All heavy atoms as atom14 arrays in JSON, in Angstrom:
{
  "sequence": "KALNSLSSRMVKAINETLHAWKALDDVMLVLLEGAGEKAFCA",
  "atom14_mask": [
    [1, 1, 1, 1, 1, 1, 1, 1, 1, 0, 0, 0, 0, 0],
    [1, 1, 1, 1, 1, 0, 0, 0, 0, 0, 0, 0, 0, 0],
    [1, 1, 1, 1, 1, 1, 1, 1, 0, 0, 0, 0, 0, 0],
    [1, 1, 1, 1, 1, 1, 1, 1, 0, 0, 0, 0, 0, 0],
    [1, 1, 1, 1, 1, 1, 0, 0, 0, 0, 0, 0, 0, 0],
    [1, 1, 1, 1, 1, 1, 1, 1, 0, 0, 0, 0, 0, 0],
    [1, 1, 1, 1, 1, 1, 0, 0, 0, 0, 0, 0, 0, 0],
    [1, 1, 1, 1, 1, 1, 0, 0, 0, 0, 0, 0, 0, 0],
    [1, 1, 1, 1, 1, 1, 1, 1, 1, 1, 1, 0, 0, 0],
    [1, 1, 1, 1, 1, 1, 1, 1, 0, 0, 0, 0, 0, 0],
    [1, 1, 1, 1, 1, 1, 1, 0, 0, 0, 0, 0, 0, 0],
    [1, 1, 1, 1, 1, 1, 1, 1, 1, 0, 0, 0, 0, 0],
    [1, 1, 1, 1, 1, 0, 0, 0, 0, 0, 0, 0, 0, 0],
    [1, 1, 1, 1, 1, 1, 1, 1, 0, 0, 0, 0, 0, 0],
    [1, 1, 1, 1, 1, 1, 1, 1, 0, 0, 0, 0, 0, 0],
    [1, 1, 1, 1, 1, 1, 1, 1, 1, 0, 0, 0, 0, 0],
    [1, 1, 1, 1, 1, 1, 1, 0, 0, 0, 0, 0, 0, 0],
    [1, 1, 1, 1, 1, 1, 1, 1, 0, 0, 0, 0, 0, 0],
    [1, 1, 1, 1, 1, 1, 1, 1, 1, 1, 0, 0, 0, 0],
    [1, 1, 1, 1, 1, 0, 0, 0, 0, 0, 0, 0, 0, 0],
    [1, 1, 1, 1, 1, 1, 1, 1, 1, 1, 1, 1, 1, 1],
    [1, 1, 1, 1, 1, 1, 1, 1, 1, 0, 0, 0, 0, 0],
    [1, 1, 1, 1, 1, 0, 0, 0, 0, 0, 0, 0, 0, 0],
    [1, 1, 1, 1, 1, 1, 1, 1, 0, 0, 0, 0, 0, 0],
    [1, 1, 1, 1, 1, 1, 1, 1, 0, 0, 0, 0, 0, 0],
    [1, 1, 1, 1, 1, 1, 1, 1, 0, 0, 0, 0, 0, 0],
    [1, 1, 1, 1, 1, 1, 1, 0, 0, 0, 0, 0, 0, 0],
    [1, 1, 1, 1, 1, 1, 1, 1, 0, 0, 0, 0, 0, 0],
    [1, 1, 1, 1, 1, 1, 1, 1, 0, 0, 0, 0, 0, 0],
    [1, 1, 1, 1, 1, 1, 1, 0, 0, 0, 0, 0, 0, 0],
    [1, 1, 1, 1, 1, 1, 1, 1, 0, 0, 0, 0, 0, 0],
    [1, 1, 1, 1, 1, 1, 1, 1, 0, 0, 0, 0, 0, 0],
    [1, 1, 1, 1, 1, 1, 1, 1, 1, 0, 0, 0, 0, 0],
    [1, 1, 1, 1, 0, 0, 0, 0, 0, 0, 0, 0, 0, 0],
    [1, 1, 1, 1, 1, 0, 0, 0, 0, 0, 0, 0, 0, 0],
    [1, 1, 1, 1, 0, 0, 0, 0, 0, 0, 0, 0, 0, 0],
    [1, 1, 1, 1, 1, 1, 1, 1, 1, 0, 0, 0, 0, 0],
    [1, 1, 1, 1, 1, 1, 1, 1, 1, 0, 0, 0, 0, 0],
    [1, 1, 1, 1, 1, 0, 0, 0, 0, 0, 0, 0, 0, 0],
    [1, 1, 1, 1, 1, 1, 1, 1, 1, 1, 1, 0, 0, 0],
    [1, 1, 1, 1, 1, 1, 0, 0, 0, 0, 0, 0, 0, 0],
    [1, 1, 1, 1, 1, 0, 0, 0, 0, 0, 0, 0, 0, 0]
  ],
  "atom14_positions": [
    [[-63.45, -78.31, -12.29], [-64.31, -77.76, -13.35], [-63.79, -76.42, -13.78], [-64.0, -76.09, -14.91], [-65.83, -77.65, -12.94], [-66.34, -78.97, -12.81], [-67.85, -79.01, -12.43], [-68.62, -80.26, -12.38], [-69.96, -80.22, -12.08], [0.0, 0.0, 0.0], [0.0, 0.0, 0.0], [0.0, 0.0, 0.0], [0.0, 0.0, 0.0], [0.0, 0.0, 0.0]],
    [[-63.14, -75.66, -12.84], [-62.62, -74.32, -13.2], [-61.08, -74.4, -13.46], [-60.51, -73.43, -13.34], [-62.9, -73.24, -12.04], [0.0, 0.0, 0.0], [0.0, 0.0, 0.0], [0.0, 0.0, 0.0], [0.0, 0.0, 0.0], [0.0, 0.0, 0.0], [0.0, 0.0, 0.0], [0.0, 0.0, 0.0], [0.0, 0.0, 0.0], [0.0, 0.0, 0.0]],
    [[-60.69, -75.59, -13.61], [-59.15, -75.9, -14.07], [-58.32, -75.45, -12.78], [-57.24, -74.94, -12.97], [-58.8, -75.21, -15.28], [-59.43, -75.67, -16.54], [-59.07, -74.9, -17.71], [-59.28, -77.17, -16.72], [0.0, 0.0, 0.0], [0.0, 0.0, 0.0], [0.0, 0.0, 0.0], [0.0, 0.0, 0.0], [0.0, 0.0, 0.0], [0.0, 0.0, 0.0]],
    [[-58.9, -75.59, -11.65], [-58.22, -75.21, -10.26], [-57.84, -73.72, -10.2], [-56.7, -73.52, -9.59], [-57.05, -76.25, -10.08], [-57.43, -77.66, -10.08], [-58.58, -77.99, -9.52], [-56.65, -78.51, -10.73], [0.0, 0.0, 0.0], [0.0, 0.0, 0.0], [0.0, 0.0, 0.0], [0.0, 0.0, 0.0], [0.0, 0.0, 0.0], [0.0, 0.0, 0.0]],
    [[-58.57, -72.9, -10.95], [-58.18, -71.54, -10.87], [-58.34, -71.0, -9.32], [-59.31, -71.4, -8.72], [-58.94, -70.7, -11.77], [-60.34, -70.85, -11.55], [0.0, 0.0, 0.0], [0.0, 0.0, 0.0], [0.0, 0.0, 0.0], [0.0, 0.0, 0.0], [0.0, 0.0, 0.0], [0.0, 0.0, 0.0], [0.0, 0.0, 0.0], [0.0, 0.0, 0.0]],
    [[-57.58, -70.0, -8.98], [-57.46, -69.6, -7.63], [-58.46, -68.4, -7.29], [-58.45, -67.42, -7.79], [-56.07, -69.11, -7.39], [-54.99, -70.12, -7.39], [-53.65, -69.28, -7.34], [-55.05, -71.07, -6.23], [0.0, 0.0, 0.0], [0.0, 0.0, 0.0], [0.0, 0.0, 0.0], [0.0, 0.0, 0.0], [0.0, 0.0, 0.0], [0.0, 0.0, 0.0]],
    [[-59.47, -68.77, -6.33], [-60.3, -67.65, -5.78], [-59.55, -67.14, -4.6], [-58.49, -67.57, -4.1], [-61.7, -68.28, -5.37], [-61.34, -69.09, -4.31], [0.0, 0.0, 0.0], [0.0, 0.0, 0.0], [0.0, 0.0, 0.0], [0.0, 0.0, 0.0], [0.0, 0.0, 0.0], [0.0, 0.0, 0.0], [0.0, 0.0, 0.0], [0.0, 0.0, 0.0]],
    [[-60.06, -65.97, -4.14], [-59.58, -65.32, -2.98], [-59.55, -66.31, -1.8], [-58.58, -66.26, -0.95], [-60.13, -64.01, -2.61], [-61.48, -64.22, -2.48], [0.0, 0.0, 0.0], [0.0, 0.0, 0.0], [0.0, 0.0, 0.0], [0.0, 0.0, 0.0], [0.0, 0.0, 0.0], [0.0, 0.0, 0.0], [0.0, 0.0, 0.0], [0.0, 0.0, 0.0]],
    [[-60.7, -67.0, -1.66], [-60.79, -67.93, -0.45], [-59.65, -68.96, -0.53], [-59.15, -69.45, 0.52], [-62.14, -68.57, -0.33], [-63.28, -67.58, -0.07], [-64.58, -68.25, 0.07], [-64.99, -68.99, -1.06], [-66.05, -69.81, -1.05], [-66.63, -70.01, -0.09], [-66.23, -70.32, -2.27], [0.0, 0.0, 0.0], [0.0, 0.0, 0.0], [0.0, 0.0, 0.0]],
    [[-59.41, -69.47, -1.72], [-58.32, -70.45, -1.88], [-57.01, -70.08, -1.53], [-56.26, -70.76, -0.85], [-58.35, -70.98, -3.38], [-59.68, -71.83, -3.74], [-59.69, -72.21, -5.48], [-58.28, -73.33, -5.66], [0.0, 0.0, 0.0], [0.0, 0.0, 0.0], [0.0, 0.0, 0.0], [0.0, 0.0, 0.0], [0.0, 0.0, 0.0], [0.0, 0.0, 0.0]],
    [[-56.67, -68.8, -1.89], [-55.43, -68.19, -1.63], [-55.27, -68.04, -0.15], [-54.1, -68.39, 0.49], [-55.18, -66.86, -2.3], [-53.92, -66.08, -1.92], [-55.11, -66.93, -3.81], [0.0, 0.0, 0.0], [0.0, 0.0, 0.0], [0.0, 0.0, 0.0], [0.0, 0.0, 0.0], [0.0, 0.0, 0.0], [0.0, 0.0, 0.0], [0.0, 0.0, 0.0]],
    [[-56.3, -67.56, 0.47], [-56.26, -67.49, 1.95], [-56.0, -68.78, 2.53], [-55.27, -68.92, 3.54], [-57.62, -66.74, 2.44], [-57.72, -66.51, 3.9], [-58.99, -65.78, 4.23], [-59.03, -65.42, 5.72], [-59.29, -66.49, 6.49], [0.0, 0.0, 0.0], [0.0, 0.0, 0.0], [0.0, 0.0, 0.0], [0.0, 0.0, 0.0], [0.0, 0.0, 0.0]],
    [[-56.67, -69.81, 2.13], [-56.6, -71.11, 2.75], [-55.25, -71.66, 2.57], [-54.62, -72.23, 3.45], [-57.64, -72.1, 1.97], [0.0, 0.0, 0.0], [0.0, 0.0, 0.0], [0.0, 0.0, 0.0], [0.0, 0.0, 0.0], [0.0, 0.0, 0.0], [0.0, 0.0, 0.0], [0.0, 0.0, 0.0], [0.0, 0.0, 0.0], [0.0, 0.0, 0.0]],
    [[-54.59, -71.48, 1.39], [-53.18, -72.05, 1.13], [-52.21, -71.29, 2.01], [-51.31, -71.87, 2.7], [-52.84, -71.81, -0.26], [-53.71, -72.69, -1.38], [-51.32, -72.04, -0.56], [-53.56, -72.34, -2.7], [0.0, 0.0, 0.0], [0.0, 0.0, 0.0], [0.0, 0.0, 0.0], [0.0, 0.0, 0.0], [0.0, 0.0, 0.0], [0.0, 0.0, 0.0]],
    [[-52.37, -69.98, 2.13], [-51.5, -69.08, 2.97], [-51.52, -69.52, 4.3], [-50.6, -69.71, 5.09], [-51.81, -67.62, 2.74], [-50.88, -66.75, 3.36], [-50.96, -66.56, 4.7], [-50.01, -66.14, 2.61], [0.0, 0.0, 0.0], [0.0, 0.0, 0.0], [0.0, 0.0, 0.0], [0.0, 0.0, 0.0], [0.0, 0.0, 0.0], [0.0, 0.0, 0.0]],
    [[-52.66, -69.67, 4.89], [-52.97, -70.03, 6.26], [-52.43, -71.47, 6.64], [-51.89, -71.79, 7.64], [-54.38, -69.9, 6.68], [-54.95, -68.44, 6.73], [-56.4, -68.41, 7.12], [-57.21, -69.49, 7.11], [-56.86, -67.29, 7.3], [0.0, 0.0, 0.0], [0.0, 0.0, 0.0], [0.0, 0.0, 0.0], [0.0, 0.0, 0.0], [0.0, 0.0, 0.0]],
    [[-52.69, -72.46, 5.63], [-52.21, -73.74, 5.83], [-50.67, -73.84, 5.94], [-50.02, -74.42, 6.84], [-52.75, -74.69, 4.65], [-54.08, -74.68, 4.71], [-52.13, -76.02, 4.86], [0.0, 0.0, 0.0], [0.0, 0.0, 0.0], [0.0, 0.0, 0.0], [0.0, 0.0, 0.0], [0.0, 0.0, 0.0], [0.0, 0.0, 0.0], [0.0, 0.0, 0.0]],
    [[-49.99, -73.17, 4.99], [-48.51, -73.21, 4.97], [-48.0, -72.49, 6.2], [-46.94, -72.91, 6.83], [-47.97, -72.46, 3.78], [-48.21, -73.13, 2.4], [-47.89, -72.34, 1.25], [-47.4, -74.5, 2.47], [0.0, 0.0, 0.0], [0.0, 0.0, 0.0], [0.0, 0.0, 0.0], [0.0, 0.0, 0.0], [0.0, 0.0, 0.0], [0.0, 0.0, 0.0]],
    [[-48.55, -71.43, 6.68], [-48.11, -70.73, 7.93], [-48.39, -71.72, 9.1], [-47.36, -71.82, 9.98], [-48.9, -69.43, 8.19], [-48.28, -68.24, 7.51], [-46.95, -67.74, 7.82], [-48.71, -67.4, 6.45], [-46.72, -66.73, 7.07], [-47.73, -66.47, 6.22], [0.0, 0.0, 0.0], [0.0, 0.0, 0.0], [0.0, 0.0, 0.0], [0.0, 0.0, 0.0]],
    [[-49.32, -72.32, 9.15], [-49.75, -73.34, 10.26], [-48.58, -74.53, 10.28], [-48.12, -74.95, 11.27], [-51.05, -73.99, 10.2], [0.0, 0.0, 0.0], [0.0, 0.0, 0.0], [0.0, 0.0, 0.0], [0.0, 0.0, 0.0], [0.0, 0.0, 0.0], [0.0, 0.0, 0.0], [0.0, 0.0, 0.0], [0.0, 0.0, 0.0], [0.0, 0.0, 0.0]],
    [[-48.24, -74.98, 9.09], [-47.41, -76.12, 8.97], [-45.96, -75.78, 9.07], [-45.08, -76.69, 9.39], [-47.57, -76.76, 7.43], [-48.87, -77.65, 7.4], [-49.76, -77.85, 8.47], [-49.22, -78.1, 6.2], [-50.8, -78.6, 7.79], [-50.54, -78.72, 6.42], [-48.83, -78.28, 4.8], [-51.23, -79.43, 5.53], [-49.56, -78.84, 3.92], [-50.79, -79.35, 4.27]],
    [[-45.64, -74.53, 9.08], [-44.11, -74.1, 9.36], [-43.74, -74.56, 10.73], [-42.6, -75.02, 10.79], [-44.1, -72.58, 9.33], [-43.5, -71.97, 8.12], [-43.43, -70.43, 8.33], [-42.76, -69.76, 7.18], [-42.55, -68.36, 7.36], [0.0, 0.0, 0.0], [0.0, 0.0, 0.0], [0.0, 0.0, 0.0], [0.0, 0.0, 0.0], [0.0, 0.0, 0.0]],
    [[-44.45, -74.47, 11.74], [-44.16, -74.82, 13.04], [-44.54, -76.21, 13.39], [-44.32, -76.51, 14.64], [-44.72, -73.75, 14.02], [0.0, 0.0, 0.0], [0.0, 0.0, 0.0], [0.0, 0.0, 0.0], [0.0, 0.0, 0.0], [0.0, 0.0, 0.0], [0.0, 0.0, 0.0], [0.0, 0.0, 0.0], [0.0, 0.0, 0.0], [0.0, 0.0, 0.0]],
    [[-45.25, -76.99, 12.59], [-45.62, -78.31, 12.8], [-44.48, -79.4, 12.56], [-44.1, -79.61, 11.46], [-46.89, -78.62, 12.03], [-47.73, -79.72, 12.56], [-48.4, -79.26, 13.85], [-49.02, -79.9, 11.56], [0.0, 0.0, 0.0], [0.0, 0.0, 0.0], [0.0, 0.0, 0.0], [0.0, 0.0, 0.0], [0.0, 0.0, 0.0], [0.0, 0.0, 0.0]],
    [[-44.11, -79.97, 13.62], [-42.93, -80.98, 13.48], [-43.45, -82.14, 12.73], [-42.44, -82.77, 12.19], [-42.43, -81.31, 14.86], [-41.78, -80.32, 15.68], [-41.28, -79.35, 14.94], [-41.69, -80.31, 16.84], [0.0, 0.0, 0.0], [0.0, 0.0, 0.0], [0.0, 0.0, 0.0], [0.0, 0.0, 0.0], [0.0, 0.0, 0.0], [0.0, 0.0, 0.0]],
    [[-44.65, -82.39, 12.68], [-45.14, -83.66, 11.94], [-44.97, -83.38, 10.33], [-45.16, -84.33, 9.68], [-46.52, -83.9, 12.3], [-46.68, -84.63, 13.62], [-45.65, -84.92, 14.15], [-47.79, -84.5, 14.27], [0.0, 0.0, 0.0], [0.0, 0.0, 0.0], [0.0, 0.0, 0.0], [0.0, 0.0, 0.0], [0.0, 0.0, 0.0], [0.0, 0.0, 0.0]],
    [[-44.89, -82.11, 9.87], [-44.8, -81.81, 8.45], [-43.35, -81.83, 8.12], [-42.57, -80.82, 8.58], [-45.62, -80.66, 8.06], [-45.36, -80.33, 6.67], [-47.01, -80.83, 8.47], [0.0, 0.0, 0.0], [0.0, 0.0, 0.0], [0.0, 0.0, 0.0], [0.0, 0.0, 0.0], [0.0, 0.0, 0.0], [0.0, 0.0, 0.0], [0.0, 0.0, 0.0]],
    [[-42.78, -82.64, 7.2], [-41.4, -82.7, 6.87], [-41.26, -82.03, 5.48], [-40.21, -81.63, 5.11], [-40.86, -84.13, 6.91], [-40.95, -84.7, 8.25], [-40.19, -83.87, 9.48], [-38.43, -83.98, 9.12], [0.0, 0.0, 0.0], [0.0, 0.0, 0.0], [0.0, 0.0, 0.0], [0.0, 0.0, 0.0], [0.0, 0.0, 0.0], [0.0, 0.0, 0.0]],
    [[-42.3, -82.22, 4.62], [-42.36, -81.69, 3.25], [-43.83, -81.44, 2.89], [-44.68, -81.82, 3.5], [-41.69, -82.68, 2.27], [-42.45, -84.11, 2.18], [-43.04, -84.24, 0.75], [-41.24, -85.2, 2.29], [0.0, 0.0, 0.0], [0.0, 0.0, 0.0], [0.0, 0.0, 0.0], [0.0, 0.0, 0.0], [0.0, 0.0, 0.0], [0.0, 0.0, 0.0]],
    [[-43.99, -80.62, 1.74], [-45.24, -80.37, 1.26], [-45.4, -80.68, -0.14], [-44.49, -80.39, -1.0], [-45.51, -78.72, 1.43], [-46.75, -78.36, 0.75], [-45.44, -78.33, 2.9], [0.0, 0.0, 0.0], [0.0, 0.0, 0.0], [0.0, 0.0, 0.0], [0.0, 0.0, 0.0], [0.0, 0.0, 0.0], [0.0, 0.0, 0.0], [0.0, 0.0, 0.0]],
    [[-46.49, -81.3, -0.52], [-46.87, -81.71, -1.87], [-48.05, -80.74, -2.41], [-49.03, -80.79, -1.68], [-47.29, -83.13, -2.02], [-47.66, -83.67, -3.34], [-46.38, -83.76, -4.22], [-48.18, -85.19, -3.13], [0.0, 0.0, 0.0], [0.0, 0.0, 0.0], [0.0, 0.0, 0.0], [0.0, 0.0, 0.0], [0.0, 0.0, 0.0], [0.0, 0.0, 0.0]],
    [[-47.76, -80.05, -3.35], [-48.71, -79.1, -3.92], [-49.18, -79.62, -5.24], [-48.36, -79.83, -6.22], [-48.16, -77.74, -4.16], [-49.03, -76.47, -4.43], [-50.14, -76.3, -3.51], [-48.11, -75.26, -4.56], [0.0, 0.0, 0.0], [0.0, 0.0, 0.0], [0.0, 0.0, 0.0], [0.0, 0.0, 0.0], [0.0, 0.0, 0.0], [0.0, 0.0, 0.0]],
    [[-50.53, -79.83, -5.41], [-51.01, -80.47, -6.62], [-52.43, -79.91, -6.99], [-53.1, -79.22, -6.24], [-51.25, -81.91, -6.43], [-52.19, -82.31, -5.29], [-52.19, -83.8, -4.93], [-51.47, -84.65, -5.67], [-53.05, -84.18, -4.12], [0.0, 0.0, 0.0], [0.0, 0.0, 0.0], [0.0, 0.0, 0.0], [0.0, 0.0, 0.0], [0.0, 0.0, 0.0]],
    [[-52.91, -80.28, -8.13], [-54.25, -79.89, -8.64], [-55.09, -81.11, -8.74], [-54.68, -82.26, -9.2], [0.0, 0.0, 0.0], [0.0, 0.0, 0.0], [0.0, 0.0, 0.0], [0.0, 0.0, 0.0], [0.0, 0.0, 0.0], [0.0, 0.0, 0.0], [0.0, 0.0, 0.0], [0.0, 0.0, 0.0], [0.0, 0.0, 0.0], [0.0, 0.0, 0.0]],
    [[-56.34, -80.92, -8.56], [-57.32, -81.92, -8.73], [-57.52, -82.28, -10.24], [-57.53, -81.38, -10.96], [-58.62, -81.72, -8.04], [0.0, 0.0, 0.0], [0.0, 0.0, 0.0], [0.0, 0.0, 0.0], [0.0, 0.0, 0.0], [0.0, 0.0, 0.0], [0.0, 0.0, 0.0], [0.0, 0.0, 0.0], [0.0, 0.0, 0.0], [0.0, 0.0, 0.0]],
    [[-57.87, -83.57, -10.53], [-58.21, -83.96, -11.89], [-56.95, -84.07, -12.82], [-55.84, -83.93, -12.36], [0.0, 0.0, 0.0], [0.0, 0.0, 0.0], [0.0, 0.0, 0.0], [0.0, 0.0, 0.0], [0.0, 0.0, 0.0], [0.0, 0.0, 0.0], [0.0, 0.0, 0.0], [0.0, 0.0, 0.0], [0.0, 0.0, 0.0], [0.0, 0.0, 0.0]],
    [[-57.19, -84.3, -14.05], [-56.15, -84.66, -15.02], [-55.83, -83.53, -15.9], [-54.85, -83.66, -16.78], [-56.47, -85.87, -15.68], [-56.7, -87.14, -14.94], [-57.1, -88.33, -15.87], [-57.37, -88.25, -16.96], [-57.11, -89.49, -15.2], [0.0, 0.0, 0.0], [0.0, 0.0, 0.0], [0.0, 0.0, 0.0], [0.0, 0.0, 0.0], [0.0, 0.0, 0.0]],
    [[-56.56, -82.4, -15.91], [-56.38, -81.43, -16.77], [-55.47, -80.24, -16.4], [-54.84, -79.49, -17.33], [-57.71, -80.7, -17.17], [-58.56, -81.79, -18.09], [-59.88, -80.94, -18.41], [-60.8, -81.83, -19.22], [-62.01, -81.27, -19.77], [0.0, 0.0, 0.0], [0.0, 0.0, 0.0], [0.0, 0.0, 0.0], [0.0, 0.0, 0.0], [0.0, 0.0, 0.0]],
    [[-55.35, -79.92, -15.17], [-54.72, -78.67, -14.66], [-54.0, -78.86, -13.34], [-54.76, -79.35, -12.41], [-55.62, -77.54, -14.84], [0.0, 0.0, 0.0], [0.0, 0.0, 0.0], [0.0, 0.0, 0.0], [0.0, 0.0, 0.0], [0.0, 0.0, 0.0], [0.0, 0.0, 0.0], [0.0, 0.0, 0.0], [0.0, 0.0, 0.0], [0.0, 0.0, 0.0]],
    [[-52.93, -78.29, -13.27], [-52.36, -77.98, -11.81], [-53.17, -76.78, -11.36], [-53.8, -76.77, -10.38], [-50.83, -77.67, -12.0], [-50.18, -77.0, -10.67], [-50.2, -77.69, -9.47], [-49.8, -75.7, -10.73], [-49.71, -77.11, -8.38], [-49.33, -75.14, -9.51], [-49.17, -75.94, -8.35], [0.0, 0.0, 0.0], [0.0, 0.0, 0.0], [0.0, 0.0, 0.0]],
    [[-53.08, -75.55, -12.05], [-53.77, -74.43, -11.8], [-53.77, -73.49, -13.01], [-52.59, -73.17, -13.57], [-53.08, -73.74, -10.56], [-53.72, -72.06, -10.3], [0.0, 0.0, 0.0], [0.0, 0.0, 0.0], [0.0, 0.0, 0.0], [0.0, 0.0, 0.0], [0.0, 0.0, 0.0], [0.0, 0.0, 0.0], [0.0, 0.0, 0.0], [0.0, 0.0, 0.0]],
    [[-54.91, -73.06, -13.46], [-54.99, -72.28, -14.69], [-54.86, -70.72, -14.47], [-55.01, -69.88, -15.36], [-56.3, -72.62, -15.42], [0.0, 0.0, 0.0], [0.0, 0.0, 0.0], [0.0, 0.0, 0.0], [0.0, 0.0, 0.0], [0.0, 0.0, 0.0], [0.0, 0.0, 0.0], [0.0, 0.0, 0.0], [0.0, 0.0, 0.0], [0.0, 0.0, 0.0]]
  ]
}
């Protein structure tokens, strides 16, 4: 509904997730997307 605009909590979550996946052997690649049909991120 907010065209996937980034709040501070979202930025923190993305940052922490990417750091955690760096060392995770089960992650070979990352797909970054926006919910819905209108926006990746406004």
